[in-house]
Amino acid sequence: MGLRAFMLAGVWLVSMASGAAAERPQRVVSMNLCTDQLAMLLAAPGQLISVSYLARDARSSAMAEVAQNFDVNHGLAEEIAFLRPDLVLAGRYTTRVTVDMLQRLGYRVEIFQPENTLDDIRTNLLQMGKALGREAEAERIAEAMDRDILNLRVAADRGPRPETAVYYSSGYTAGGRSLGHDIVTTAGLQNIAAKLGLGAGGILPLEALILSDADMVIRGASYQGHSRSEEMLRHPALQKMLAAPRLTAETRPEWTCGTPLTLNAIHDLRAAAGLEPLE
């Protein structure tokens, strides 16, 4: 069973009652796309009562289908308070006015840092497990992640590392201190942004991308909009560069938020690069 199936199969399993069950928060509201997904993976049935409206957007949420089973919120203090939560989940940069107001009103708000590495995913997974009183479930998924990451890194070390560029709208790229960089390198690819000295991120000029002659180009998923930033992804010079036999791929919702499902994106990236599948 793949890691995605392994984890999602447990989302709706009814947990056994225990003495600690009464101490768990019973009415949990998430108002951040990334905490939405961690909570949906870990919460006991009926424990999570609302997720952000972004959780249902398949363009950015890896669990959009599961999110259809939950009521949604728009991060407004009055609508959160109306739900009478005993725990609110938020990201470090989530609607600060709402978070500050909820805390002043006495609501318990658990704040999560952004995931910039695979290790950050593990940290937030265990934090979520503790917040929800679901430590055992979080540990189970974390152990599955650890095994998968170890296998991926062993495979990456013994194979070639094609030079790879990540190219988003506006020419933004995933730098050497970003989740995108960790996804690329764990898949067994070499991120050229690190070689160019870009840290957490930055702009990769189209001219520099073309001159890099990278073996593989990973484009940010297009929303089929009409902004000038997205037009860069369809620039004739870039289209010419992407012609076969150059390897290409697109980012997926699993890149947007760091969750255990991010490992599926790594496996798919290996396949797109023509690297040997893991046993």
Protein backbone atom coordinates (compact mmCIF):
# COMPACT_ATOMS: atom_id res chain seq x y z
CA MET A 1 0.00 0.00 0.00
CA GLY A 2 1.44 3.43 -0.96
CA LEU A 3 2.00 6.10 1.66
CA ARG A 4 -0.99 8.14 0.46
CA ALA A 5 -3.35 5.17 0.68
CA PHE A 6 -1.77 4.12 3.98
CA MET A 7 -2.57 7.47 5.57
CA LEU A 8 -5.88 8.34 3.96
CA ALA A 9 -7.27 4.92 4.82
CA GLY A 10 -7.06 5.93 8.46
CA VAL A 11 -8.70 9.33 8.18
CA TRP A 12 -12.21 7.99 8.77
CA LEU A 13 -11.45 5.03 11.05
CA VAL A 14 -13.33 5.19 14.32
CA SER A 15 -10.83 5.40 17.18
CA MET A 16 -11.18 3.22 20.25
CA ALA A 17 -12.49 5.00 23.33
CA SER A 18 -9.96 5.57 26.10
CA GLY A 19 -9.63 7.42 29.36
CA ALA A 20 -7.77 10.20 27.54
CA ALA A 21 -10.62 10.73 25.08
CA ALA A 22 -12.46 13.08 27.43
CA GLU A 23 -9.36 15.31 27.60
CA ARG A 24 -9.10 15.69 23.85
CA PRO A 25 -10.55 18.82 22.26
CA GLN A 26 -13.99 17.96 20.95
CA ARG A 27 -14.71 20.95 18.68
CA VAL A 28 -11.66 21.77 16.57
CA VAL A 29 -11.64 24.50 13.92
CA SER A 30 -8.78 24.94 11.45
CA MET A 31 -8.38 28.25 9.62
CA ASN A 32 -5.21 27.56 7.63
CA LEU A 33 -4.78 25.42 4.51
CA CYS A 34 -1.80 23.54 5.92
CA THR A 35 -3.28 22.89 9.37
CA ASP A 36 -6.50 21.84 7.59
CA GLN A 37 -4.72 18.93 5.95
CA LEU A 38 -2.73 17.82 8.98
CA ALA A 39 -5.92 17.92 11.05
CA MET A 40 -7.90 15.94 8.46
CA LEU A 41 -5.19 13.27 8.51
CA LEU A 42 -5.13 12.98 12.29
CA ALA A 43 -8.44 14.04 13.84
CA ALA A 44 -10.78 11.47 15.31
CA PRO A 45 -14.22 11.20 13.69
CA GLY A 46 -16.36 14.20 14.70
CA GLN A 47 -13.46 16.01 16.35
CA LEU A 48 -12.72 18.42 13.49
CA ILE A 49 -15.80 20.54 12.76
CA SER A 50 -14.54 23.13 10.26
CA VAL A 51 -11.66 23.73 7.85
CA SER A 52 -10.73 26.76 5.76
CA TYR A 53 -12.49 27.25 2.44
CA LEU A 54 -9.13 26.75 0.70
CA ALA A 55 -9.11 23.10 1.79
CA ARG A 56 -11.74 22.37 -0.89
CA ASP A 57 -9.69 23.95 -3.71
CA ALA A 58 -8.05 21.09 -5.63
CA ARG A 59 -5.53 23.52 -7.13
CA SER A 60 -3.85 24.02 -3.76
CA SER A 61 -5.19 21.31 -1.46
CA ALA A 62 -3.99 17.71 -1.65
CA MET A 63 -7.09 16.68 0.33
CA ALA A 64 -9.77 18.66 -1.49
CA GLU A 65 -12.02 15.62 -1.83
CA VAL A 66 -11.86 14.79 1.88
CA ALA A 67 -12.51 18.46 2.73
CA GLN A 68 -15.94 18.23 1.09
CA ASN A 69 -17.06 16.38 4.23
CA PHE A 70 -16.41 19.38 6.49
CA ASP A 71 -18.02 22.78 6.95
CA VAL A 72 -15.74 25.60 5.87
CA ASN A 73 -14.78 28.94 7.37
CA HIS A 74 -13.18 32.10 5.97
CA GLY A 75 -10.99 32.96 8.94
CA LEU A 76 -13.32 35.58 10.40
CA ALA A 77 -13.32 35.94 14.19
CA GLU A 78 -17.12 36.09 14.49
CA GLU A 79 -17.70 32.94 12.44
CA ILE A 80 -15.00 31.05 14.37
CA ALA A 81 -16.49 32.12 17.71
CA PHE A 82 -19.98 31.12 16.52
CA LEU A 83 -18.71 27.53 16.11
CA ARG A 84 -17.84 27.41 19.85
CA PRO A 85 -14.45 25.69 19.34
CA ASP A 86 -12.36 24.38 22.19
CA LEU A 87 -9.29 24.46 19.91
CA VAL A 88 -8.44 26.67 16.92
CA LEU A 89 -5.62 25.73 14.54
CA ALA A 90 -3.72 28.48 12.73
CA GLY A 91 -0.51 29.07 10.81
CA ARG A 92 2.17 31.53 11.89
CA TYR A 93 0.95 34.06 9.34
CA THR A 94 -2.76 33.20 9.36
CA THR A 95 -5.10 36.20 9.60
CA ARG A 96 -3.29 37.79 12.52
CA VAL A 97 -6.19 40.08 13.46
CA THR A 98 -8.47 37.07 13.88
CA VAL A 99 -5.89 35.07 15.82
CA ASP A 100 -5.15 37.97 18.18
CA MET A 101 -8.85 38.59 18.81
CA LEU A 102 -9.58 34.92 19.50
CA GLN A 103 -6.69 34.75 21.95
CA ARG A 104 -7.89 37.91 23.73
CA LEU A 105 -11.35 36.34 24.03
CA GLY A 106 -9.80 33.32 25.73
CA TYR A 107 -9.95 30.75 22.94
CA ARG A 108 -7.15 28.22 22.77
CA VAL A 109 -5.24 28.80 19.52
CA GLU A 110 -2.49 26.40 18.45
CA ILE A 111 -0.07 28.07 16.02
CA PHE A 112 2.06 26.15 13.52
CA GLN A 113 5.21 27.32 11.77
CA PRO A 114 5.53 27.03 7.95
CA GLU A 115 7.08 23.80 6.67
CA ASN A 116 10.32 24.61 4.85
CA THR A 117 11.83 21.12 5.01
CA LEU A 118 10.69 17.52 5.34
CA ASP A 119 11.87 17.65 8.96
CA ASP A 120 9.46 20.55 9.53
CA ILE A 121 6.62 18.33 8.30
CA ARG A 122 7.49 15.75 10.93
CA THR A 123 7.67 18.43 13.63
CA ASN A 124 4.26 19.86 12.73
CA LEU A 125 2.74 16.40 12.40
CA LEU A 126 3.76 15.54 15.96
CA GLN A 127 2.63 18.97 17.19
CA MET A 128 -0.77 18.36 15.62
CA GLY A 129 -0.97 14.92 17.16
CA LYS A 130 -0.31 16.38 20.61
CA ALA A 131 -2.80 19.24 20.11
CA LEU A 132 -5.55 16.82 19.08
CA GLY A 133 -4.71 14.17 21.67
CA ARG A 134 -3.82 11.84 18.79
CA GLU A 135 -0.14 11.27 19.55
CA ALA A 136 -0.15 7.56 18.68
CA GLU A 137 -1.67 8.20 15.25
CA ALA A 138 0.87 10.96 14.57
CA GLU A 139 3.75 8.71 15.58
CA ARG A 140 2.47 5.96 13.29
CA ILE A 141 2.42 8.27 10.27
CA ALA A 142 5.77 9.83 11.23
CA GLU A 143 7.39 6.39 11.32
CA ALA A 144 6.01 5.59 7.87
CA MET A 145 7.39 8.91 6.64
CA ASP A 146 10.81 8.20 8.14
CA ARG A 147 11.06 4.85 6.37
CA ASP A 148 10.00 6.33 3.04
CA ILE A 149 12.39 9.29 3.28
CA LEU A 150 15.30 7.02 4.20
CA ASN A 151 14.62 4.81 1.15
CA LEU A 152 14.34 7.87 -1.08
CA ARG A 153 17.61 9.34 0.13
CA VAL A 154 19.47 6.04 -0.26
CA ALA A 155 18.18 5.78 -3.84
CA ALA A 156 19.14 9.41 -4.53
CA ASP A 157 22.70 8.83 -3.31
CA ARG A 158 23.31 5.90 -5.62
CA GLY A 159 21.92 7.42 -8.83
CA PRO A 160 22.65 10.36 -11.13
CA ARG A 161 21.36 13.79 -10.06
CA PRO A 162 19.95 15.60 -13.11
CA GLU A 163 20.25 19.40 -12.87
CA THR A 164 16.76 20.76 -12.26
CA ALA A 165 15.13 24.18 -12.22
CA VAL A 166 11.86 25.03 -10.48
CA TYR A 167 10.07 27.87 -12.25
CA TYR A 168 6.91 29.50 -10.91
CA SER A 169 4.88 32.44 -12.16
CA SER A 170 6.76 35.75 -12.07
CA GLY A 171 9.97 33.77 -12.43
CA TYR A 172 9.99 32.77 -8.78
CA THR A 173 11.98 29.66 -7.89
CA ALA A 174 12.48 27.34 -4.93
CA GLY A 175 15.78 28.29 -3.29
CA GLY A 176 18.14 26.21 -1.22
CA ARG A 177 16.24 26.74 2.05
CA SER A 178 12.72 25.83 0.96
CA LEU A 179 10.36 22.88 0.95
CA GLY A 180 10.53 22.83 -2.84
CA HIS A 181 14.31 22.39 -2.64
CA ASP A 182 13.91 19.48 -0.20
CA ILE A 183 11.34 17.86 -2.51
CA VAL A 184 13.68 18.16 -5.50
CA THR A 185 16.82 16.92 -3.76
CA THR A 186 15.11 14.05 -1.93
CA ALA A 187 13.75 12.91 -5.29
CA GLY A 188 17.36 12.59 -6.46
CA LEU A 189 17.62 15.80 -8.48
CA GLN A 190 19.99 18.76 -8.22
CA ASN A 191 18.34 22.15 -7.71
CA ILE A 192 20.21 24.78 -9.74
CA ALA A 193 18.86 27.58 -7.53
CA ALA A 194 21.21 26.50 -4.76
CA LYS A 195 24.14 26.68 -7.18
CA LEU A 196 23.03 30.20 -8.14
CA GLY A 197 23.10 31.25 -4.49
CA LEU A 198 19.35 31.65 -4.00
CA GLY A 199 18.33 30.99 -0.41
CA ALA A 200 14.72 30.37 0.58
CA GLY A 201 13.60 31.62 -2.80
CA GLY A 202 14.01 34.38 -5.30
CA ILE A 203 13.61 35.36 -8.90
CA LEU A 204 15.20 33.20 -11.59
CA PRO A 205 15.36 35.35 -14.74
CA LEU A 206 14.10 33.55 -17.82
CA GLU A 207 17.43 34.23 -19.53
CA ALA A 208 19.31 32.54 -16.67
CA LEU A 209 16.96 29.57 -16.81
CA ILE A 210 17.54 29.08 -20.53
CA LEU A 211 21.30 29.54 -20.24
CA SER A 212 21.41 26.99 -17.41
CA ASP A 213 20.42 24.29 -19.91
CA ALA A 214 18.97 22.32 -16.99
CA ASP A 215 18.21 18.65 -17.58
CA MET A 216 14.74 19.08 -16.10
CA VAL A 217 12.36 22.01 -15.61
CA ILE A 218 9.54 21.88 -13.08
CA ARG A 219 6.95 24.54 -13.73
CA GLY A 220 4.56 25.86 -11.15
CA ALA A 221 1.06 24.59 -11.84
CA SER A 222 -0.87 27.17 -13.86
CA TYR A 223 -4.35 28.26 -12.78
CA GLN A 224 -5.12 29.15 -16.39
CA GLY A 225 -5.45 32.78 -15.47
CA HIS A 226 -4.63 35.84 -17.54
CA SER A 227 -2.10 37.58 -15.30
CA ARG A 228 1.22 38.71 -16.72
CA SER A 229 2.99 36.64 -14.05
CA GLU A 230 1.44 33.45 -15.46
CA GLU A 231 2.19 34.48 -19.02
CA MET A 232 5.86 33.91 -18.21
CA LEU A 233 5.12 30.20 -17.89
CA ARG A 234 3.94 30.25 -21.51
CA HIS A 235 6.76 32.38 -22.94
CA PRO A 236 7.82 31.15 -26.43
CA ALA A 237 11.47 30.92 -25.35
CA LEU A 238 10.49 28.74 -22.41
CA GLN A 239 8.23 26.59 -24.59
CA LYS A 240 11.14 26.00 -26.96
CA MET A 241 13.40 25.04 -24.07
CA LEU A 242 10.82 22.56 -22.77
CA ALA A 243 10.66 20.61 -26.02
CA ALA A 244 11.66 16.94 -25.85
CA PRO A 245 14.00 15.36 -24.94
CA ARG A 246 14.24 17.75 -21.98
CA LEU A 247 12.53 16.39 -18.88
CA THR A 248 9.56 18.37 -17.55
CA ALA A 249 7.09 18.24 -14.68
CA GLU A 250 4.63 20.48 -12.84
CA THR A 251 4.26 21.18 -9.16
CA ARG A 252 1.25 19.66 -7.42
CA PRO A 253 -0.92 20.60 -4.43
CA GLU A 254 1.40 18.50 -2.25
CA TRP A 255 4.04 21.21 -2.79
CA THR A 256 1.81 23.99 -1.39
CA CYS A 257 1.74 22.70 2.17
CA GLY A 258 4.18 20.37 3.83
CA THR A 259 2.27 17.27 4.92
CA PRO A 260 3.05 13.55 4.82
CA LEU A 261 1.35 13.55 1.41
CA THR A 262 4.27 15.60 0.10
CA LEU A 263 6.16 12.32 -0.21
CA ASN A 264 3.80 11.31 -3.01
CA ALA A 265 4.98 14.33 -4.99
CA ILE A 266 8.58 13.18 -4.50
CA HIS A 267 7.82 9.71 -5.87
CA ASP A 268 5.98 11.21 -8.84
CA LEU A 269 8.91 13.54 -9.49
CA ARG A 270 11.28 10.59 -9.62
CA ALA A 271 9.02 8.92 -12.15
CA ALA A 272 8.88 12.08 -14.29
CA ALA A 273 12.67 12.25 -14.22
CA GLY A 274 12.96 8.64 -15.36
CA LEU A 275 14.69 7.56 -12.13
CA GLU A 276 14.26 4.01 -10.93
CA PRO A 277 11.19 3.43 -8.75
CA LEU A 278 11.71 2.36 -5.18
CA GLU A 279 10.95 -1.23 -4.29
